[in-house]
Amino acid sequence: MKNIIISIILFALCVALVIGTVLPVTELISDTGGEVYNTVKQLNDNITLN
């Protein structure tokens, strides 16, 4: 019984660490993607105006 409880606690810690790492990284990636999209859109608008 003690081993099962320890296993559950370790699994929960691993899940918390993965969530704590993955969510900030995905937020950074989405912010970067938005900036790249806006930059490309501005460049495209400048090219089509000239």
PDB file of N, CA and C in Angstrom:
ATOM      1  N   MET A   1       0.833  -1.202   0.000  1.00  0.00           N
ATOM      2  CA  MET A   1       0.000   0.000   0.000  1.00  0.00           C
ATOM      3  C   MET A   1       0.871   1.257   0.000  1.00  0.00           C
ATOM      4  N   LYS A   2       1.944   1.214   0.770  1.00  0.00           N
ATOM      5  CA  LYS A   2       2.832   2.370   0.844  1.00  0.00           C
ATOM      6  C   LYS A   2       3.473   2.654  -0.518  1.00  0.00           C
ATOM      7  N   ASN A   3       3.829   1.592  -1.250  1.00  0.00           N
ATOM      8  CA  ASN A   3       4.443   1.772  -2.566  1.00  0.00           C
ATOM      9  C   ASN A   3       3.479   2.409  -3.559  1.00  0.00           C
ATOM     10  N   ILE A   4       2.212   2.051  -3.464  1.00  0.00           N
ATOM     11  CA  ILE A   4       1.205   2.624  -4.373  1.00  0.00           C
ATOM     12  C   ILE A   4       1.056   4.120  -4.109  1.00  0.00           C
ATOM     13  N   ILE A   5       1.005   4.514  -2.854  1.00  0.00           N
ATOM     14  CA  ILE A   5       0.872   5.939  -2.515  1.00  0.00           C
ATOM     15  C   ILE A   5       2.096   6.720  -2.987  1.00  0.00           C
ATOM     16  N   ILE A   6       3.277   6.154  -2.789  1.00  0.00           N
ATOM     17  CA  ILE A   6       4.500   6.823  -3.242  1.00  0.00           C
ATOM     18  C   ILE A   6       4.505   6.943  -4.764  1.00  0.00           C
ATOM     19  N   SER A   7       4.059   5.912  -5.456  1.00  0.00           N
ATOM     20  CA  SER A   7       3.987   5.951  -6.918  1.00  0.00           C
ATOM     21  C   SER A   7       3.025   7.030  -7.394  1.00  0.00           C
ATOM     22  N   ILE A   8       1.888   7.142  -6.745  1.00  0.00           N
ATOM     23  CA  ILE A   8       0.908   8.166  -7.123  1.00  0.00           C
ATOM     24  C   ILE A   8       1.474   9.560  -6.893  1.00  0.00           C
ATOM     25  N   ILE A   9       2.142   9.754  -5.775  1.00  0.00           N
ATOM     26  CA  ILE A   9       2.735  11.068  -5.481  1.00  0.00           C
ATOM     27  C   ILE A   9       3.807  11.415  -6.504  1.00  0.00           C
ATOM     28  N   LEU A  10       4.665  10.461  -6.840  1.00  0.00           N
ATOM     29  CA  LEU A  10       5.706  10.717  -7.839  1.00  0.00           C
ATOM     30  C   LEU A  10       5.109  11.014  -9.204  1.00  0.00           C
ATOM     31  N   PHE A  11       4.067  10.284  -9.571  1.00  0.00           N
ATOM     32  CA  PHE A  11       3.399  10.546 -10.849  1.00  0.00           C
ATOM     33  C   PHE A  11       2.801  11.947 -10.866  1.00  0.00           C
ATOM     34  N   ALA A  12       2.166  12.356  -9.772  1.00  0.00           N
ATOM     35  CA  ALA A  12       1.574  13.691  -9.697  1.00  0.00           C
ATOM     36  C   ALA A  12       2.649  14.765  -9.792  1.00  0.00           C
ATOM     37  N   LEU A  13       3.796  14.536  -9.160  1.00  0.00           N
ATOM     38  CA  LEU A  13       4.890  15.502  -9.262  1.00  0.00           C
ATOM     39  C   LEU A  13       5.406  15.609 -10.690  1.00  0.00           C
ATOM     40  N   CYS A  14       5.533  14.477 -11.363  1.00  0.00           N
ATOM     41  CA  CYS A  14       5.987  14.502 -12.761  1.00  0.00           C
ATOM     42  C   CYS A  14       5.000  15.255 -13.646  1.00  0.00           C
ATOM     43  N   VAL A  15       3.719  15.006 -13.452  1.00  0.00           N
ATOM     44  CA  VAL A  15       2.700  15.702 -14.244  1.00  0.00           C
ATOM     45  C   VAL A  15       2.751  17.205 -13.979  1.00  0.00           C
ATOM     46  N   ALA A  16       2.911  17.593 -12.723  1.00  0.00           N
ATOM     47  CA  ALA A  16       2.988  19.019 -12.383  1.00  0.00           C
ATOM     48  C   ALA A  16       4.217  19.668 -13.011  1.00  0.00           C
ATOM     49  N   LEU A  17       5.337  18.956 -12.997  1.00  0.00           N
ATOM     50  CA  LEU A  17       6.547  19.511 -13.616  1.00  0.00           C
ATOM     51  C   LEU A  17       6.384  19.663 -15.122  1.00  0.00           C
ATOM     52  N   VAL A  18       5.784  18.676 -15.763  1.00  0.00           N
ATOM     53  CA  VAL A  18       5.580  18.764 -17.213  1.00  0.00           C
ATOM     54  C   VAL A  18       4.644  19.911 -17.548  1.00  0.00           C
ATOM     55  N   ILE A  19       3.549  20.032 -16.820  1.00  0.00           N
ATOM     56  CA  ILE A  19       2.606  21.127 -17.079  1.00  0.00           C
ATOM     57  C   ILE A  19       3.266  22.470 -16.819  1.00  0.00           C
ATOM     58  N   GLY A  20       4.037  22.579 -15.752  1.00  0.00           N
ATOM     59  CA  GLY A  20       4.714  23.835 -15.436  1.00  0.00           C
ATOM     60  C   GLY A  20       5.763  24.220 -16.445  1.00  0.00           C
ATOM     61  N   THR A  21       6.294  23.244 -17.175  1.00  0.00           N
ATOM     62  CA  THR A  21       7.304  23.535 -18.194  1.00  0.00           C
ATOM     63  C   THR A  21       6.669  23.785 -19.552  1.00  0.00           C
ATOM     64  N   VAL A  22       5.688  22.991 -19.912  1.00  0.00           N
ATOM     65  CA  VAL A  22       5.127  23.044 -21.263  1.00  0.00           C
ATOM     66  C   VAL A  22       4.272  24.286 -21.474  1.00  0.00           C
ATOM     67  N   LEU A  23       3.453  24.655 -20.510  1.00  0.00           N
ATOM     68  CA  LEU A  23       2.549  25.789 -20.710  1.00  0.00           C
ATOM     69  C   LEU A  23       3.293  27.106 -20.956  1.00  0.00           C
ATOM     70  N   PRO A  24       4.314  27.472 -20.172  1.00  0.00           N
ATOM     71  CA  PRO A  24       5.038  28.716 -20.488  1.00  0.00           C
ATOM     72  C   PRO A  24       5.729  28.668 -21.847  1.00  0.00           C
ATOM     73  N   VAL A  25       6.250  27.496 -22.232  1.00  0.00           N
ATOM     74  CA  VAL A  25       6.924  27.380 -23.528  1.00  0.00           C
ATOM     75  C   VAL A  25       5.927  27.575 -24.664  1.00  0.00           C
ATOM     76  N   THR A  26       4.743  26.985 -24.553  1.00  0.00           N
ATOM     77  CA  THR A  26       3.749  27.161 -25.613  1.00  0.00           C
ATOM     78  C   THR A  26       3.287  28.611 -25.688  1.00  0.00           C
ATOM     79  N   GLU A  27       3.227  29.297 -24.550  1.00  0.00           N
ATOM     80  CA  GLU A  27       2.855  30.712 -24.568  1.00  0.00           C
ATOM     81  C   GLU A  27       3.919  31.541 -25.282  1.00  0.00           C
ATOM     82  N   LEU A  28       5.189  31.239 -25.034  1.00  0.00           N
ATOM     83  CA  LEU A  28       6.272  31.946 -25.725  1.00  0.00           C
ATOM     84  C   LEU A  28       6.220  31.692 -27.226  1.00  0.00           C
ATOM     85  N   ILE A  29       5.953  30.449 -27.599  1.00  0.00           N
ATOM     86  CA  ILE A  29       5.895  30.114 -29.022  1.00  0.00           C
ATOM     87  C   ILE A  29       4.742  30.850 -29.701  1.00  0.00           C
ATOM     88  N   SER A  30       3.593  30.914 -29.049  1.00  0.00           N
ATOM     89  CA  SER A  30       2.445  31.588 -29.658  1.00  0.00           C
ATOM     90  C   SER A  30       2.687  33.094 -29.760  1.00  0.00           C
ATOM     91  N   ASP A  31       3.344  33.684 -28.753  1.00  0.00           N
ATOM     92  CA  ASP A  31       3.672  35.109 -28.833  1.00  0.00           C
ATOM     93  C   ASP A  31       4.631  35.384 -29.975  1.00  0.00           C
ATOM     94  N   THR A  32       5.634  34.542 -30.129  1.00  0.00           N
ATOM     95  CA  THR A  32       6.605  34.710 -31.218  1.00  0.00           C
ATOM     96  C   THR A  32       5.923  34.553 -32.564  1.00  0.00           C
ATOM     97  N   GLY A  33       5.039  33.571 -32.675  1.00  0.00           N
ATOM     98  CA  GLY A  33       4.311  33.376 -33.925  1.00  0.00           C
ATOM     99  C   GLY A  33       3.461  34.579 -34.276  1.00  0.00           C
ATOM    100  N   GLY A  34       2.826  35.188 -33.291  1.00  0.00           N
ATOM    101  CA  GLY A  34       2.025  36.386 -33.541  1.00  0.00           C
ATOM    102  C   GLY A  34       2.882  37.547 -34.014  1.00  0.00           C
ATOM    103  N   GLU A  35       4.058  37.708 -33.428  1.00  0.00           N
ATOM    104  CA  GLU A  35       4.958  38.782 -33.844  1.00  0.00           C
ATOM    105  C   GLU A  35       5.446  38.562 -35.270  1.00  0.00           C
ATOM    106  N   VAL A  36       5.789  37.319 -35.603  1.00  0.00           N
ATOM    107  CA  VAL A  36       6.246  37.007 -36.958  1.00  0.00           C
ATOM    108  C   VAL A  36       5.121  37.265 -37.957  1.00  0.00           C
ATOM    109  N   TYR A  37       3.918  36.861 -37.609  1.00  0.00           N
ATOM    110  CA  TYR A  37       2.777  37.088 -38.512  1.00  0.00           C
ATOM    111  C   TYR A  37       2.575  38.576 -38.774  1.00  0.00           C
ATOM    112  N   ASN A  38       2.628  39.391 -37.718  1.00  0.00           N
ATOM    113  CA  ASN A  38       2.438  40.825 -37.889  1.00  0.00           C
ATOM    114  C   ASN A  38       3.548  41.438 -38.725  1.00  0.00           C
ATOM    115  N   THR A  39       4.791  40.990 -38.528  1.00  0.00           N
ATOM    116  CA  THR A  39       5.908  41.511 -39.307  1.00  0.00           C
ATOM    117  C   THR A  39       5.757  41.174 -40.783  1.00  0.00           C
ATOM    118  N   VAL A  40       5.403  39.936 -41.067  1.00  0.00           N
ATOM    119  CA  VAL A  40       5.227  39.518 -42.464  1.00  0.00           C
ATOM    120  C   VAL A  40       4.056  40.265 -43.087  1.00  0.00           C
ATOM    121  N   LYS A  41       2.993  40.473 -42.321  1.00  0.00           N
ATOM    122  CA  LYS A  41       1.834  41.206 -42.853  1.00  0.00           C
ATOM    123  C   LYS A  41       2.212  42.650 -43.190  1.00  0.00           C
ATOM    124  N   GLN A  42       2.986  43.285 -42.315  1.00  0.00           N
ATOM    125  CA  GLN A  42       3.421  44.655 -42.586  1.00  0.00           C
ATOM    126  C   GLN A  42       4.318  44.714 -43.808  1.00  0.00           C
ATOM    127  N   LEU A  43       5.239  43.763 -43.940  1.00  0.00           N
ATOM    128  CA  LEU A  43       6.100  43.725 -45.124  1.00  0.00           C
ATOM    129  C   LEU A  43       5.267  43.524 -46.389  1.00  0.00           C
ATOM    130  N   ASN A  44       4.287  42.653 -46.330  1.00  0.00           N
ATOM    131  CA  ASN A  44       3.423  42.403 -47.483  1.00  0.00           C
ATOM    132  C   ASN A  44       2.641  43.650 -47.836  1.00  0.00           C
ATOM    133  N   ASP A  45       2.124  44.362 -46.830  1.00  0.00           N
ATOM    134  CA  ASP A  45       1.384  45.597 -47.103  1.00  0.00           C
ATOM    135  C   ASP A  45       2.291  46.646 -47.731  1.00  0.00           C
ATOM    136  N   ASN A  46       3.542  46.746 -47.261  1.00  0.00           N
ATOM    137  CA  ASN A  46       4.477  47.711 -47.836  1.00  0.00           C
ATOM    138  C   ASN A  46       4.804  47.371 -49.291  1.00  0.00           C
ATOM    139  N   ILE A  47       4.930  46.086 -49.579  1.00  0.00           N
ATOM    140  CA  ILE A  47       5.261  45.689 -50.952  1.00  0.00           C
ATOM    141  C   ILE A  47       4.087  45.953 -51.879  1.00  0.00           C
ATOM    142  N   THR A  48       2.875  45.675 -51.430  1.00  0.00           N
ATOM    143  CA  THR A  48       1.722  45.857 -52.311  1.00  0.00           C
ATOM    144  C   THR A  48       1.387  47.330 -52.518  1.00  0.00           C
ATOM    145  N   LEU A  49       1.766  48.192 -51.592  1.00  0.00           N
ATOM    146  CA  LEU A  49       1.495  49.619 -51.758  1.00  0.00           C
ATOM    147  C   LEU A  49       2.440  50.267 -52.756  1.00  0.00           C
ATOM    148  N   ASN A  50       3.639  49.736 -52.892  1.00  0.00           N
ATOM    149  CA  ASN A  50       4.621  50.338 -53.803  1.00  0.00           C
ATOM    150  C   ASN A  50       4.491  49.835 -55.191  1.00  0.00           C
TER     151      ASN A  50
END
